[in-house]
N, C-alpha and C. Protein backbone atom coordinates (compact mmCIF):
# COMPACT_ATOMS: atom_id res chain seq x y z
N MET A 1 109.00 36.92 -53.52
CA MET A 1 107.60 36.59 -53.23
C MET A 1 107.38 35.09 -53.39
N LYS A 2 106.53 34.54 -52.52
CA LYS A 2 106.21 33.11 -52.60
C LYS A 2 104.79 32.91 -53.11
N PHE A 3 104.65 31.99 -54.04
CA PHE A 3 103.34 31.52 -54.48
C PHE A 3 103.19 30.09 -53.98
N ASN A 4 102.14 29.81 -53.24
CA ASN A 4 101.86 28.46 -52.78
C ASN A 4 100.54 28.01 -53.38
N ILE A 5 100.59 26.96 -54.17
CA ILE A 5 99.41 26.50 -54.90
C ILE A 5 98.98 25.13 -54.37
N ILE A 6 97.73 25.04 -53.94
CA ILE A 6 97.16 23.79 -53.44
C ILE A 6 96.31 23.16 -54.54
N THR A 7 96.65 21.94 -54.93
CA THR A 7 96.01 21.30 -56.08
C THR A 7 96.04 19.79 -55.93
N ILE A 8 95.19 19.11 -56.69
CA ILE A 8 95.28 17.64 -56.73
C ILE A 8 96.02 17.18 -57.99
N PHE A 9 96.47 18.14 -58.80
CA PHE A 9 97.23 17.82 -60.01
C PHE A 9 98.54 18.62 -60.02
N PRO A 10 99.47 18.30 -59.15
CA PRO A 10 100.69 19.11 -59.03
C PRO A 10 101.56 19.16 -60.29
N GLU A 11 101.54 18.10 -61.08
CA GLU A 11 102.41 18.06 -62.25
C GLU A 11 101.90 18.91 -63.41
N ILE A 12 100.68 19.38 -63.31
CA ILE A 12 100.08 20.15 -64.39
C ILE A 12 100.80 21.48 -64.62
N PHE A 13 101.55 21.94 -63.61
CA PHE A 13 102.22 23.24 -63.68
C PHE A 13 103.64 23.18 -64.25
N ASP A 14 104.19 21.99 -64.36
CA ASP A 14 105.61 21.84 -64.68
C ASP A 14 106.04 22.58 -65.93
N SER A 15 105.35 22.37 -67.01
CA SER A 15 105.75 22.95 -68.29
C SER A 15 105.70 24.47 -68.27
N TYR A 16 104.56 25.02 -67.83
CA TYR A 16 104.38 26.47 -67.91
C TYR A 16 105.34 27.23 -67.00
N PHE A 17 105.54 26.72 -65.78
CA PHE A 17 106.37 27.44 -64.83
C PHE A 17 107.87 27.24 -65.08
N ASN A 18 108.23 26.40 -66.01
CA ASN A 18 109.64 26.18 -66.31
C ASN A 18 110.05 26.71 -67.67
N GLU A 19 109.36 27.75 -68.10
CA GLU A 19 109.67 28.39 -69.37
C GLU A 19 109.66 29.91 -69.20
N SER A 20 110.38 30.59 -70.08
CA SER A 20 110.28 32.03 -70.28
C SER A 20 110.48 32.86 -69.00
N ILE A 21 109.67 33.91 -68.87
CA ILE A 21 109.85 34.91 -67.82
C ILE A 21 109.69 34.31 -66.42
N ILE A 22 108.73 33.41 -66.26
CA ILE A 22 108.51 32.85 -64.92
C ILE A 22 109.70 32.00 -64.48
N LYS A 23 110.27 31.26 -65.41
CA LYS A 23 111.47 30.48 -65.08
C LYS A 23 112.63 31.40 -64.71
N ARG A 24 112.82 32.47 -65.48
CA ARG A 24 113.92 33.40 -65.18
C ARG A 24 113.71 34.08 -63.84
N ALA A 25 112.46 34.41 -63.52
CA ALA A 25 112.16 35.04 -62.23
C ALA A 25 112.51 34.10 -61.08
N GLN A 26 112.26 32.82 -61.27
CA GLN A 26 112.62 31.84 -60.25
C GLN A 26 114.14 31.70 -60.15
N ASP A 27 114.81 31.66 -61.29
CA ASP A 27 116.27 31.54 -61.31
C ASP A 27 116.94 32.73 -60.62
N LYS A 28 116.32 33.90 -60.76
CA LYS A 28 116.86 35.12 -60.17
C LYS A 28 116.42 35.31 -58.71
N LYS A 29 115.67 34.34 -58.19
CA LYS A 29 115.18 34.37 -56.80
C LYS A 29 114.20 35.51 -56.55
N LYS A 30 113.56 35.97 -57.60
CA LYS A 30 112.54 37.01 -57.43
C LYS A 30 111.23 36.41 -56.91
N ILE A 31 110.98 35.16 -57.31
CA ILE A 31 109.79 34.46 -56.84
C ILE A 31 110.15 33.02 -56.50
N LYS A 32 109.31 32.42 -55.68
CA LYS A 32 109.43 30.99 -55.38
C LYS A 32 108.04 30.40 -55.50
N ILE A 33 107.91 29.33 -56.29
CA ILE A 33 106.62 28.69 -56.50
C ILE A 33 106.64 27.32 -55.84
N ASN A 34 105.75 27.13 -54.89
CA ASN A 34 105.61 25.84 -54.21
C ASN A 34 104.28 25.22 -54.59
N ILE A 35 104.33 24.00 -55.10
CA ILE A 35 103.11 23.28 -55.47
C ILE A 35 102.83 22.23 -54.40
N HIS A 36 101.65 22.26 -53.81
CA HIS A 36 101.30 21.36 -52.73
C HIS A 36 100.20 20.40 -53.18
N ASN A 37 100.50 19.11 -53.09
CA ASN A 37 99.53 18.09 -53.45
C ASN A 37 98.52 17.93 -52.32
N LEU A 38 97.28 18.24 -52.59
CA LEU A 38 96.24 18.19 -51.55
C LEU A 38 96.10 16.79 -50.97
N ARG A 39 96.41 15.79 -51.75
CA ARG A 39 96.27 14.41 -51.27
C ARG A 39 97.25 14.11 -50.11
N ASP A 40 98.29 14.91 -49.99
CA ASP A 40 99.22 14.73 -48.88
C ASP A 40 98.61 15.12 -47.54
N TYR A 41 97.45 15.76 -47.58
CA TYR A 41 96.80 16.23 -46.36
C TYR A 41 95.54 15.41 -46.05
N THR A 42 95.43 14.24 -46.64
CA THR A 42 94.31 13.35 -46.37
C THR A 42 94.69 12.34 -45.30
N LYS A 43 93.70 11.60 -44.80
CA LYS A 43 93.99 10.68 -43.70
C LYS A 43 93.60 9.23 -43.98
N ASP A 44 92.99 8.95 -45.14
CA ASP A 44 92.60 7.58 -45.45
C ASP A 44 93.56 6.98 -46.47
N LYS A 45 93.53 5.67 -46.60
CA LYS A 45 94.49 4.98 -47.47
C LYS A 45 94.28 5.30 -48.95
N HIS A 46 93.08 5.75 -49.30
CA HIS A 46 92.81 6.10 -50.70
C HIS A 46 93.16 7.55 -51.01
N ARG A 47 93.58 8.29 -49.99
CA ARG A 47 93.96 9.71 -50.14
C ARG A 47 92.81 10.50 -50.76
N SER A 48 91.62 10.31 -50.24
CA SER A 48 90.41 10.92 -50.79
C SER A 48 90.35 12.41 -50.50
N VAL A 49 90.00 13.18 -51.51
CA VAL A 49 89.86 14.63 -51.35
C VAL A 49 88.43 15.10 -51.63
N ASP A 50 87.55 14.18 -52.06
CA ASP A 50 86.20 14.56 -52.42
C ASP A 50 85.20 13.52 -51.93
N ASP A 51 83.93 13.91 -51.92
CA ASP A 51 82.88 13.00 -51.49
C ASP A 51 81.55 13.47 -52.09
N LYS A 52 80.52 12.64 -51.93
CA LYS A 52 79.21 12.97 -52.48
C LYS A 52 78.60 14.15 -51.71
N PRO A 53 77.85 15.01 -52.41
CA PRO A 53 77.25 16.17 -51.73
C PRO A 53 76.07 15.78 -50.85
N TYR A 54 75.98 16.37 -49.67
CA TYR A 54 74.80 16.21 -48.83
C TYR A 54 73.59 16.77 -49.57
N GLY A 55 72.47 16.07 -49.46
CA GLY A 55 71.26 16.52 -50.13
C GLY A 55 71.11 15.97 -51.54
N GLY A 56 72.15 15.24 -51.98
CA GLY A 56 72.10 14.66 -53.31
C GLY A 56 72.54 15.63 -54.39
N GLY A 57 72.59 15.15 -55.61
CA GLY A 57 73.01 15.97 -56.74
C GLY A 57 74.15 15.33 -57.49
N PRO A 58 74.47 15.85 -58.68
CA PRO A 58 75.51 15.25 -59.51
C PRO A 58 76.91 15.59 -59.03
N GLY A 59 77.87 14.75 -59.44
CA GLY A 59 79.27 15.05 -59.18
C GLY A 59 79.71 14.87 -57.75
N MET A 60 80.94 15.30 -57.52
CA MET A 60 81.56 15.17 -56.20
C MET A 60 82.01 16.56 -55.72
N VAL A 61 82.12 16.70 -54.42
CA VAL A 61 82.51 17.98 -53.80
C VAL A 61 83.81 17.78 -53.04
N MET A 62 84.73 18.71 -53.19
CA MET A 62 86.00 18.64 -52.47
C MET A 62 85.77 18.91 -50.98
N MET A 63 86.36 18.07 -50.15
CA MET A 63 86.13 18.12 -48.71
C MET A 63 86.88 19.27 -48.04
N VAL A 64 86.31 19.76 -46.97
CA VAL A 64 86.89 20.90 -46.26
C VAL A 64 88.16 20.52 -45.49
N GLU A 65 88.19 19.32 -44.88
CA GLU A 65 89.28 18.99 -43.97
C GLU A 65 90.67 19.01 -44.62
N PRO A 66 90.88 18.34 -45.77
CA PRO A 66 92.22 18.39 -46.38
C PRO A 66 92.66 19.81 -46.75
N ILE A 67 91.70 20.60 -47.25
CA ILE A 67 92.04 21.97 -47.63
C ILE A 67 92.39 22.79 -46.40
N TYR A 68 91.63 22.63 -45.34
CA TYR A 68 91.92 23.33 -44.09
C TYR A 68 93.32 22.97 -43.57
N LYS A 69 93.64 21.68 -43.58
CA LYS A 69 94.95 21.24 -43.10
C LYS A 69 96.08 21.82 -43.94
N ALA A 70 95.88 21.85 -45.25
CA ALA A 70 96.91 22.39 -46.14
C ALA A 70 97.14 23.87 -45.87
N ILE A 71 96.05 24.63 -45.78
CA ILE A 71 96.18 26.07 -45.53
C ILE A 71 96.86 26.31 -44.18
N LYS A 72 96.44 25.57 -43.16
CA LYS A 72 97.00 25.76 -41.82
C LYS A 72 98.50 25.52 -41.79
N LYS A 73 98.96 24.51 -42.53
CA LYS A 73 100.39 24.20 -42.53
C LYS A 73 101.20 25.20 -43.35
N ILE A 74 100.63 25.65 -44.46
CA ILE A 74 101.36 26.51 -45.39
C ILE A 74 101.37 27.96 -44.95
N LYS A 75 100.29 28.41 -44.34
CA LYS A 75 100.13 29.83 -44.03
C LYS A 75 101.10 30.26 -42.94
N LYS A 76 101.95 31.19 -43.29
CA LYS A 76 102.91 31.75 -42.35
C LYS A 76 102.80 33.27 -42.38
N GLY A 77 102.80 33.88 -41.22
CA GLY A 77 102.79 35.34 -41.16
C GLY A 77 101.57 35.95 -41.82
N LYS A 78 101.80 36.94 -42.67
CA LYS A 78 100.72 37.70 -43.28
C LYS A 78 100.37 37.16 -44.68
N ALA A 79 100.37 35.87 -44.85
CA ALA A 79 100.02 35.28 -46.13
C ALA A 79 98.56 35.56 -46.47
N LYS A 80 98.29 35.76 -47.76
CA LYS A 80 96.92 35.93 -48.23
C LYS A 80 96.48 34.64 -48.90
N VAL A 81 95.27 34.21 -48.60
CA VAL A 81 94.74 32.96 -49.14
C VAL A 81 93.57 33.27 -50.06
N ILE A 82 93.65 32.80 -51.31
CA ILE A 82 92.54 33.00 -52.24
C ILE A 82 92.02 31.66 -52.73
N LEU A 83 90.74 31.64 -53.01
CA LEU A 83 90.06 30.46 -53.55
C LEU A 83 89.50 30.83 -54.91
N PHE A 84 89.82 30.05 -55.93
CA PHE A 84 89.26 30.32 -57.25
C PHE A 84 87.82 29.82 -57.28
N SER A 85 86.91 30.74 -57.65
CA SER A 85 85.48 30.45 -57.59
C SER A 85 84.76 31.32 -58.61
N PRO A 86 83.74 30.78 -59.30
CA PRO A 86 82.96 31.60 -60.23
C PRO A 86 82.22 32.73 -59.54
N LYS A 87 82.07 32.64 -58.22
CA LYS A 87 81.37 33.69 -57.46
C LYS A 87 82.32 34.77 -56.96
N GLY A 88 83.61 34.60 -57.26
CA GLY A 88 84.60 35.54 -56.75
C GLY A 88 84.70 36.83 -57.55
N LYS A 89 85.47 37.76 -57.03
CA LYS A 89 85.73 39.02 -57.72
C LYS A 89 86.59 38.74 -58.95
N THR A 90 86.25 39.38 -60.07
CA THR A 90 86.98 39.13 -61.31
C THR A 90 88.40 39.68 -61.23
N PHE A 91 89.36 38.83 -61.50
CA PHE A 91 90.77 39.21 -61.44
C PHE A 91 91.08 40.24 -62.52
N ASP A 92 91.76 41.33 -62.13
CA ASP A 92 92.14 42.36 -63.08
C ASP A 92 93.52 42.91 -62.74
N GLN A 93 93.96 43.91 -63.50
CA GLN A 93 95.30 44.43 -63.31
C GLN A 93 95.49 45.10 -61.95
N LYS A 94 94.43 45.71 -61.43
CA LYS A 94 94.54 46.32 -60.11
C LYS A 94 94.80 45.27 -59.04
N MET A 95 94.14 44.13 -59.16
CA MET A 95 94.37 43.05 -58.21
C MET A 95 95.78 42.49 -58.37
N ALA A 96 96.24 42.38 -59.61
CA ALA A 96 97.60 41.89 -59.86
C ALA A 96 98.61 42.81 -59.19
N ASN A 97 98.40 44.11 -59.29
CA ASN A 97 99.30 45.07 -58.64
C ASN A 97 99.26 44.91 -57.12
N ARG A 98 98.07 44.72 -56.59
CA ARG A 98 97.93 44.55 -55.14
C ARG A 98 98.63 43.28 -54.67
N TYR A 99 98.45 42.21 -55.40
CA TYR A 99 99.07 40.94 -55.02
C TYR A 99 100.59 40.99 -55.14
N SER A 100 101.10 41.80 -56.07
CA SER A 100 102.55 41.86 -56.27
C SER A 100 103.28 42.46 -55.08
N LYS A 101 102.54 43.09 -54.16
CA LYS A 101 103.14 43.68 -52.96
C LYS A 101 103.19 42.67 -51.80
N LEU A 102 102.61 41.50 -52.00
CA LEU A 102 102.55 40.49 -50.93
C LEU A 102 103.86 39.71 -50.82
N ASP A 103 104.05 39.09 -49.68
CA ASP A 103 105.18 38.18 -49.49
C ASP A 103 104.80 36.74 -49.79
N ASN A 104 103.54 36.41 -49.56
CA ASN A 104 103.12 35.02 -49.69
C ASN A 104 101.67 34.99 -50.15
N LEU A 105 101.42 34.39 -51.31
CA LEU A 105 100.07 34.25 -51.83
C LEU A 105 99.75 32.76 -51.95
N ILE A 106 98.72 32.33 -51.22
CA ILE A 106 98.30 30.93 -51.23
C ILE A 106 97.04 30.81 -52.09
N MET A 107 97.07 29.90 -53.05
CA MET A 107 95.94 29.72 -53.97
C MET A 107 95.37 28.32 -53.85
N VAL A 108 94.06 28.24 -53.67
CA VAL A 108 93.37 26.96 -53.56
C VAL A 108 92.67 26.67 -54.89
N CYS A 109 93.04 25.57 -55.52
CA CYS A 109 92.46 25.19 -56.81
C CYS A 109 91.38 24.15 -56.61
N GLY A 110 90.15 24.53 -56.87
CA GLY A 110 89.04 23.60 -56.75
C GLY A 110 88.95 22.68 -57.96
N ARG A 111 88.10 21.67 -57.84
CA ARG A 111 87.84 20.71 -58.93
C ARG A 111 86.43 20.15 -58.77
N TYR A 112 86.05 19.31 -59.70
CA TYR A 112 84.75 18.61 -59.65
C TYR A 112 83.60 19.61 -59.60
N GLU A 113 82.59 19.36 -58.72
CA GLU A 113 81.45 20.25 -58.64
C GLU A 113 81.73 21.48 -57.78
N GLY A 114 82.93 21.55 -57.21
CA GLY A 114 83.28 22.68 -56.37
C GLY A 114 83.84 22.22 -55.04
N VAL A 115 83.92 23.15 -54.09
CA VAL A 115 84.47 22.83 -52.77
C VAL A 115 83.39 23.02 -51.72
N ASP A 116 83.54 22.32 -50.62
CA ASP A 116 82.66 22.46 -49.47
C ASP A 116 82.59 23.96 -49.09
N GLU A 117 81.38 24.46 -48.92
CA GLU A 117 81.16 25.88 -48.65
C GLU A 117 81.96 26.37 -47.44
N ARG A 118 82.24 25.47 -46.49
CA ARG A 118 82.95 25.87 -45.27
C ARG A 118 84.41 26.25 -45.51
N VAL A 119 84.95 25.87 -46.67
CA VAL A 119 86.32 26.27 -47.02
C VAL A 119 86.44 27.79 -47.00
N LYS A 120 85.38 28.48 -47.37
CA LYS A 120 85.43 29.93 -47.48
C LYS A 120 85.69 30.63 -46.15
N LYS A 121 85.49 29.90 -45.05
CA LYS A 121 85.80 30.46 -43.73
C LYS A 121 87.30 30.58 -43.51
N PHE A 122 88.08 29.89 -44.34
CA PHE A 122 89.53 29.84 -44.13
C PHE A 122 90.32 30.55 -45.23
N VAL A 123 89.61 31.28 -46.11
CA VAL A 123 90.30 32.03 -47.16
C VAL A 123 89.98 33.51 -46.99
N ASP A 124 90.82 34.34 -47.59
CA ASP A 124 90.65 35.79 -47.47
C ASP A 124 89.83 36.38 -48.61
N GLU A 125 89.85 35.70 -49.75
CA GLU A 125 89.21 36.29 -50.92
C GLU A 125 88.88 35.19 -51.93
N GLU A 126 87.73 35.34 -52.59
CA GLU A 126 87.37 34.47 -53.70
C GLU A 126 87.65 35.22 -55.00
N VAL A 127 88.24 34.51 -55.96
CA VAL A 127 88.68 35.15 -57.20
C VAL A 127 88.18 34.35 -58.40
N SER A 128 87.67 35.07 -59.39
CA SER A 128 87.26 34.47 -60.66
C SER A 128 88.11 35.07 -61.77
N ILE A 129 88.36 34.31 -62.82
CA ILE A 129 89.07 34.90 -63.97
C ILE A 129 88.14 35.16 -65.15
N GLY A 130 86.84 35.00 -64.93
CA GLY A 130 85.89 35.31 -66.00
C GLY A 130 84.61 34.50 -65.90
N ASP A 131 83.62 34.92 -66.68
CA ASP A 131 82.31 34.28 -66.62
C ASP A 131 82.22 33.12 -67.60
N TYR A 132 82.92 32.06 -67.26
CA TYR A 132 82.86 30.83 -68.02
C TYR A 132 83.29 29.70 -67.10
N VAL A 133 83.04 28.47 -67.52
CA VAL A 133 83.29 27.32 -66.64
C VAL A 133 84.58 26.61 -67.05
N LEU A 134 85.45 26.35 -66.08
CA LEU A 134 86.66 25.58 -66.29
C LEU A 134 86.57 24.29 -65.46
N THR A 135 87.46 23.35 -65.76
CA THR A 135 87.44 22.09 -65.01
C THR A 135 88.13 22.20 -63.66
N GLY A 136 88.86 23.27 -63.43
CA GLY A 136 89.54 23.41 -62.15
C GLY A 136 90.23 24.75 -62.03
N GLY A 137 90.87 24.96 -60.89
CA GLY A 137 91.52 26.24 -60.60
C GLY A 137 92.97 26.33 -61.02
N GLU A 138 93.48 25.30 -61.69
CA GLU A 138 94.91 25.31 -62.04
C GLU A 138 95.26 26.36 -63.08
N ILE A 139 94.45 26.48 -64.13
CA ILE A 139 94.73 27.51 -65.13
C ILE A 139 94.58 28.91 -64.53
N PRO A 140 93.54 29.19 -63.74
CA PRO A 140 93.50 30.49 -63.05
C PRO A 140 94.74 30.76 -62.21
N ALA A 141 95.27 29.73 -61.55
CA ALA A 141 96.48 29.92 -60.74
C ALA A 141 97.66 30.32 -61.62
N MET A 142 97.77 29.69 -62.79
CA MET A 142 98.85 30.06 -63.72
C MET A 142 98.70 31.52 -64.17
N ILE A 143 97.47 31.91 -64.42
CA ILE A 143 97.22 33.29 -64.86
C ILE A 143 97.62 34.29 -63.78
N VAL A 144 97.24 34.02 -62.55
CA VAL A 144 97.59 34.93 -61.45
C VAL A 144 99.10 35.00 -61.26
N VAL A 145 99.77 33.86 -61.26
CA VAL A 145 101.23 33.85 -61.12
C VAL A 145 101.89 34.65 -62.23
N ASP A 146 101.43 34.47 -63.46
CA ASP A 146 102.00 35.18 -64.60
C ASP A 146 101.81 36.68 -64.48
N ALA A 147 100.55 37.10 -64.23
CA ALA A 147 100.24 38.53 -64.16
C ALA A 147 100.95 39.22 -63.02
N VAL A 148 101.08 38.55 -61.88
CA VAL A 148 101.71 39.15 -60.70
C VAL A 148 103.23 39.15 -60.84
N THR A 149 103.79 38.07 -61.33
CA THR A 149 105.25 37.95 -61.43
C THR A 149 105.86 39.07 -62.26
N ARG A 150 105.24 39.40 -63.37
CA ARG A 150 105.83 40.41 -64.26
C ARG A 150 105.82 41.81 -63.63
N LEU A 151 105.08 42.00 -62.54
CA LEU A 151 105.04 43.30 -61.87
C LEU A 151 106.05 43.41 -60.73
N ILE A 152 106.68 42.30 -60.39
CA ILE A 152 107.65 42.32 -59.29
C ILE A 152 108.94 42.98 -59.76
N PRO A 153 109.45 43.97 -59.04
CA PRO A 153 110.66 44.68 -59.47
C PRO A 153 111.80 43.74 -59.80
N GLY A 154 112.42 44.00 -60.96
CA GLY A 154 113.57 43.20 -61.37
C GLY A 154 113.24 42.04 -62.28
N VAL A 155 111.94 41.75 -62.43
CA VAL A 155 111.55 40.64 -63.31
C VAL A 155 111.53 41.10 -64.76
N ILE A 156 110.91 42.24 -65.02
CA ILE A 156 110.85 42.84 -66.36
C ILE A 156 111.32 44.28 -66.25
N ALA A 157 112.02 44.74 -67.26
CA ALA A 157 112.51 46.12 -67.27
C ALA A 157 111.33 47.09 -67.12
N ILE A 158 111.51 48.11 -66.29
CA ILE A 158 110.45 49.08 -66.02
C ILE A 158 109.96 49.73 -67.32
N GLU A 159 110.88 49.98 -68.24
CA GLU A 159 110.51 50.61 -69.51
C GLU A 159 109.49 49.77 -70.27
N SER A 160 109.59 48.46 -70.15
CA SER A 160 108.68 47.57 -70.87
C SER A 160 107.29 47.56 -70.25
N LEU A 161 107.20 47.92 -68.98
CA LEU A 161 105.91 47.89 -68.28
C LEU A 161 105.13 49.19 -68.41
N LYS A 162 105.84 50.29 -68.67
CA LYS A 162 105.23 51.62 -68.58
C LYS A 162 104.05 51.82 -69.50
N GLU A 163 104.13 51.31 -70.74
CA GLU A 163 103.09 51.59 -71.71
C GLU A 163 102.26 50.37 -72.08
N GLU A 164 102.22 49.38 -71.20
CA GLU A 164 101.42 48.20 -71.47
C GLU A 164 99.93 48.50 -71.31
N SER A 165 99.11 47.62 -71.86
CA SER A 165 97.67 47.73 -71.65
C SER A 165 97.38 47.74 -70.16
N PHE A 166 96.42 48.59 -69.77
CA PHE A 166 95.94 48.73 -68.40
C PHE A 166 96.94 49.40 -67.46
N SER A 167 98.12 49.83 -67.97
CA SER A 167 99.15 50.34 -67.06
C SER A 167 99.10 51.85 -66.88
N LEU A 168 98.41 52.58 -67.74
CA LEU A 168 98.41 54.04 -67.64
C LEU A 168 97.01 54.61 -67.36
N GLU A 169 96.17 53.82 -66.73
CA GLU A 169 94.81 54.29 -66.52
C GLU A 169 94.73 55.52 -65.62
N LYS A 170 95.68 55.65 -64.70
CA LYS A 170 95.68 56.84 -63.83
C LYS A 170 96.03 58.09 -64.63
N GLU A 171 97.03 57.97 -65.52
CA GLU A 171 97.47 59.12 -66.30
C GLU A 171 96.53 59.42 -67.46
N LEU A 172 95.99 58.36 -68.08
CA LEU A 172 95.13 58.52 -69.25
C LEU A 172 93.78 57.89 -68.93
N LYS A 173 92.86 58.71 -68.48
CA LYS A 173 91.60 58.21 -67.93
C LYS A 173 90.86 57.29 -68.89
N HIS A 174 90.91 57.61 -70.18
CA HIS A 174 90.13 56.84 -71.16
C HIS A 174 90.99 55.86 -71.95
N ALA A 175 92.24 55.69 -71.57
CA ALA A 175 93.14 54.83 -72.34
C ALA A 175 93.48 53.58 -71.55
N LYS A 176 92.95 52.45 -71.97
CA LYS A 176 93.24 51.20 -71.30
C LYS A 176 94.32 50.40 -72.02
N TYR A 177 94.27 50.43 -73.35
CA TYR A 177 95.04 49.46 -74.12
C TYR A 177 96.28 50.06 -74.75
N GLU A 178 97.24 49.20 -75.01
CA GLU A 178 98.48 49.64 -75.64
C GLU A 178 98.22 49.99 -77.10
N TYR A 179 99.01 50.92 -77.62
CA TYR A 179 98.87 51.33 -79.02
C TYR A 179 99.30 50.18 -79.95
N PRO A 180 98.86 50.21 -81.24
CA PRO A 180 99.23 49.16 -82.20
C PRO A 180 100.75 49.13 -82.42
N GLN A 181 101.27 47.93 -82.61
CA GLN A 181 102.70 47.74 -82.82
C GLN A 181 102.96 47.13 -84.20
N TYR A 182 104.06 47.53 -84.83
CA TYR A 182 104.44 47.01 -86.15
C TYR A 182 105.93 46.72 -86.19
N THR A 183 106.33 45.80 -87.03
CA THR A 183 107.75 45.55 -87.28
C THR A 183 107.92 45.13 -88.74
N ARG A 184 109.12 44.78 -89.14
CA ARG A 184 109.40 44.42 -90.53
C ARG A 184 108.63 43.19 -90.98
N PRO A 185 108.22 43.14 -92.26
CA PRO A 185 108.50 44.09 -93.34
C PRO A 185 107.56 45.29 -93.33
N GLU A 186 107.98 46.35 -93.96
CA GLU A 186 107.19 47.57 -94.01
C GLU A 186 105.88 47.37 -94.78
N ASN A 187 105.92 46.49 -95.78
CA ASN A 187 104.74 46.21 -96.60
C ASN A 187 104.59 44.70 -96.72
N PHE A 188 103.49 44.18 -96.21
CA PHE A 188 103.23 42.74 -96.30
C PHE A 188 101.88 42.54 -96.97
N ASN A 189 101.90 41.96 -98.18
CA ASN A 189 100.67 41.73 -98.94
C ASN A 189 99.84 43.00 -99.06
N ASN A 190 100.52 44.10 -99.27
CA ASN A 190 99.91 45.43 -99.41
C ASN A 190 99.30 45.95 -98.10
N LEU A 191 99.65 45.33 -97.00
CA LEU A 191 99.29 45.84 -95.68
C LEU A 191 100.50 46.62 -95.16
N LYS A 192 100.36 47.93 -95.11
CA LYS A 192 101.51 48.80 -94.87
C LYS A 192 101.56 49.35 -93.45
N VAL A 193 102.77 49.58 -92.97
CA VAL A 193 102.99 50.24 -91.69
C VAL A 193 102.56 51.70 -91.82
N PRO A 194 101.83 52.26 -90.84
CA PRO A 194 101.43 53.67 -90.90
C PRO A 194 102.62 54.60 -91.14
N LYS A 195 102.45 55.55 -92.03
CA LYS A 195 103.55 56.43 -92.44
C LYS A 195 104.14 57.20 -91.26
N VAL A 196 103.32 57.57 -90.29
CA VAL A 196 103.82 58.36 -89.18
C VAL A 196 104.93 57.62 -88.43
N LEU A 197 104.85 56.29 -88.36
CA LEU A 197 105.87 55.52 -87.64
C LEU A 197 107.19 55.45 -88.40
N LEU A 198 107.15 55.81 -89.66
CA LEU A 198 108.36 55.82 -90.48
C LEU A 198 108.94 57.23 -90.63
N SER A 199 108.25 58.21 -90.04
CA SER A 199 108.60 59.61 -90.27
C SER A 199 109.83 60.07 -89.51
N GLY A 200 110.11 59.43 -88.37
CA GLY A 200 111.21 59.89 -87.53
C GLY A 200 110.83 61.07 -86.67
N ASN A 201 109.59 61.54 -86.78
CA ASN A 201 109.10 62.67 -85.99
C ASN A 201 108.54 62.11 -84.67
N HIS A 202 109.33 62.16 -83.62
CA HIS A 202 108.94 61.53 -82.36
C HIS A 202 107.74 62.19 -81.70
N LYS A 203 107.57 63.48 -81.92
CA LYS A 203 106.43 64.17 -81.35
C LYS A 203 105.13 63.68 -81.99
N LYS A 204 105.15 63.54 -83.32
CA LYS A 204 103.96 63.05 -84.03
C LYS A 204 103.69 61.58 -83.70
N ILE A 205 104.77 60.81 -83.56
CA ILE A 205 104.61 59.39 -83.22
C ILE A 205 103.98 59.25 -81.84
N LYS A 206 104.45 60.07 -80.90
CA LYS A 206 103.91 60.02 -79.54
C LYS A 206 102.43 60.37 -79.54
N GLN A 207 102.04 61.39 -80.31
CA GLN A 207 100.64 61.79 -80.37
C GLN A 207 99.79 60.72 -81.04
N TRP A 208 100.32 60.11 -82.11
CA TRP A 208 99.60 59.03 -82.81
C TRP A 208 99.34 57.86 -81.85
N ARG A 209 100.36 57.51 -81.09
CA ARG A 209 100.22 56.41 -80.14
C ARG A 209 99.20 56.73 -79.06
N LEU A 210 99.22 57.96 -78.58
CA LEU A 210 98.26 58.38 -77.57
C LEU A 210 96.84 58.31 -78.12
N ASP A 211 96.65 58.81 -79.35
CA ASP A 211 95.34 58.77 -79.97
C ASP A 211 94.83 57.33 -80.13
N LYS A 212 95.73 56.45 -80.49
CA LYS A 212 95.34 55.05 -80.70
C LYS A 212 94.99 54.37 -79.38
N ARG A 213 95.70 54.75 -78.32
CA ARG A 213 95.39 54.20 -76.99
C ARG A 213 93.98 54.59 -76.59
N ILE A 214 93.66 55.86 -76.82
CA ILE A 214 92.34 56.37 -76.43
C ILE A 214 91.25 55.82 -77.34
């Protein structure tokens, strides 16, 4: 699967995408992450990507033309284009599963006071990661890449995915979250591991975990 990220801060992704599971997924050719500098799609000597809003108001607005040019060049075949926006649908595990079936996901990272409204004519979906304000779409892009990558076959062992939070909602209607986890030491500052987990009785352990999920 290909992730194509359009941003004015391409180097912001270097550290996160070159560590842990996402790095291994890239090494194994399970995913390919392409970072596109929006300034490469400008036409003036200052490589301008923003301008003052019509009608007045604070801040600057990202221009439609560079974003349009970037999408047009990057989009191949059945690529899906998303724009991070506070007005978008809230990203959740169902969306992550849907995106994991794609071949190419293009993400537009806004900045400043937002993007020219006409950009929305060239995207398939607006996506929000929550009801709060961020300085740009780069962190949302990292979140989407992370959540989607771990669902791609071969990236993480299937056994590790089966009982994660939000993964068994079809089987367990009222159970969203993973059960509590414990490891050594058995007693830390008089905070003890539940006895059932030490019992060796797998049937009781399974029931305890199910109860805790619910």
